[in-house]
Amino acid sequence: MDQKVCEASKRLNNLLYQKTEREARNQDKHTSLDRMLQIDAQDFDFERKRVRGITKSPESLPDVYNYTTARSHTVQQERHVSCYSPEQQL
């Protein structure tokens, strides 16, 4: 009888240990998730502010955007000029 009680006690202790380990891992995962959500929210706010700044002032655009925009405007102007040139009207 003592052996059965001892084995049951060991099993119970083992199950309680596993339970506390799982709860600790679960708590760690929730903490990590909370941190990741906080970082994601900060990144989203940063991107939103950056995009808002770009849309408000085109001078703050990187040079690549300015060059691309200028190039497309030049091409459009050349098309318009070529449509109204005397050679095209004949």
Protein backbone atom coordinates (compact mmCIF):
# COMPACT_ATOMS: atom_id res chain seq x y z
CA MET A 1 0.00 0.00 0.00
CA ASP A 2 2.81 2.40 0.84
CA GLN A 3 4.40 1.78 -2.56
CA LYS A 4 1.14 2.70 -4.39
CA VAL A 5 0.80 5.89 -2.37
CA CYS A 6 4.43 6.77 -3.06
CA GLU A 7 4.01 6.21 -6.83
CA ALA A 8 0.78 8.23 -6.88
CA SER A 9 2.52 11.01 -4.98
CA LYS A 10 5.41 10.98 -7.49
CA ARG A 11 2.96 11.07 -10.39
CA LEU A 12 1.07 13.95 -8.79
CA ASN A 13 4.31 15.90 -8.20
CA ASN A 14 5.39 15.25 -11.77
CA LEU A 15 2.05 16.49 -13.12
CA LEU A 16 2.18 19.60 -10.93
CA TYR A 17 5.73 20.30 -12.14
CA GLN A 18 4.64 19.94 -15.78
CA LYS A 19 1.70 22.26 -15.12
CA THR A 20 3.92 24.99 -13.66
CA GLU A 21 6.38 24.62 -16.56
CA ARG A 22 3.58 24.99 -19.12
CA GLU A 23 2.18 28.00 -17.31
CA ALA A 24 5.63 29.61 -17.24
CA ARG A 25 6.11 28.99 -20.98
CA ASN A 26 2.63 30.32 -21.67
CA GLN A 27 3.40 33.47 -19.68
CA ASP A 28 6.69 33.93 -21.57
CA LYS A 29 4.88 33.61 -24.89
CA HIS A 30 2.26 36.16 -23.84
CA THR A 31 5.00 38.56 -22.77
CA SER A 32 6.77 38.11 -26.12
CA LEU A 33 3.52 38.63 -27.98
CA ASP A 34 2.81 41.83 -26.07
CA ARG A 35 6.31 43.12 -26.87
CA MET A 36 5.92 42.27 -30.55
CA LEU A 37 2.54 44.00 -30.73
CA GLN A 38 3.99 47.08 -29.08
CA ILE A 39 6.92 47.18 -31.52
CA ASP A 40 4.56 46.64 -34.45
CA ALA A 41 2.37 49.52 -33.30
CA GLN A 42 5.42 51.78 -32.99
CA ASP A 43 6.60 50.80 -36.48
CA PHE A 44 3.14 51.47 -37.89
CA ASP A 45 3.04 54.90 -36.29
CA PHE A 46 6.51 55.70 -37.64
CA GLU A 47 5.55 54.64 -41.18
CA ARG A 48 2.28 56.57 -41.01
CA LYS A 49 4.13 59.72 -39.95
CA ARG A 50 6.75 59.22 -42.65
CA VAL A 51 4.15 58.76 -45.38
CA ARG A 52 2.18 61.75 -44.13
CA GLY A 53 5.36 63.84 -44.23
CA ILE A 54 6.13 62.76 -47.79
CA THR A 55 2.64 63.54 -49.03
CA LYS A 56 2.66 66.97 -47.41
CA SER A 57 5.99 68.15 -48.78
CA PRO A 58 7.28 66.78 -52.09
CA GLU A 59 10.66 68.41 -51.41
CA SER A 60 11.26 65.77 -48.77
CA LEU A 61 11.02 62.97 -51.34
CA PRO A 62 14.20 61.10 -52.07
CA ASP A 63 16.08 62.15 -55.20
CA VAL A 64 14.98 58.99 -57.01
CA TYR A 65 11.35 60.03 -56.77
CA ASN A 66 12.15 63.58 -57.84
CA TYR A 67 14.14 62.32 -60.83
CA THR A 68 11.42 59.87 -61.83
CA THR A 69 8.74 62.52 -61.55
CA ALA A 70 10.80 65.05 -63.48
CA ARG A 71 11.56 62.49 -66.19
CA SER A 72 7.89 61.56 -66.61
CA HIS A 73 6.95 65.24 -66.83
CA THR A 74 9.62 65.79 -69.49
CA VAL A 75 8.34 62.86 -71.54
CA GLN A 76 4.77 64.14 -71.30
CA GLN A 77 5.85 67.62 -72.38
CA GLU A 78 7.74 66.21 -75.33
CA ARG A 79 4.61 64.30 -76.42
CA HIS A 80 2.50 67.43 -76.18
CA VAL A 81 5.02 69.48 -78.14
CA SER A 82 5.28 66.82 -80.82
CA CYS A 83 1.47 66.78 -81.20
CA TYR A 84 1.43 70.51 -81.91
CA SER A 85 4.49 70.70 -84.10
CA PRO A 86 3.94 71.88 -87.70
CA GLU A 87 5.12 68.55 -89.10
CA GLN A 88 2.33 66.72 -87.29
CA GLN A 89 -0.37 69.11 -88.49
CA LEU A 90 0.30 68.40 -92.18
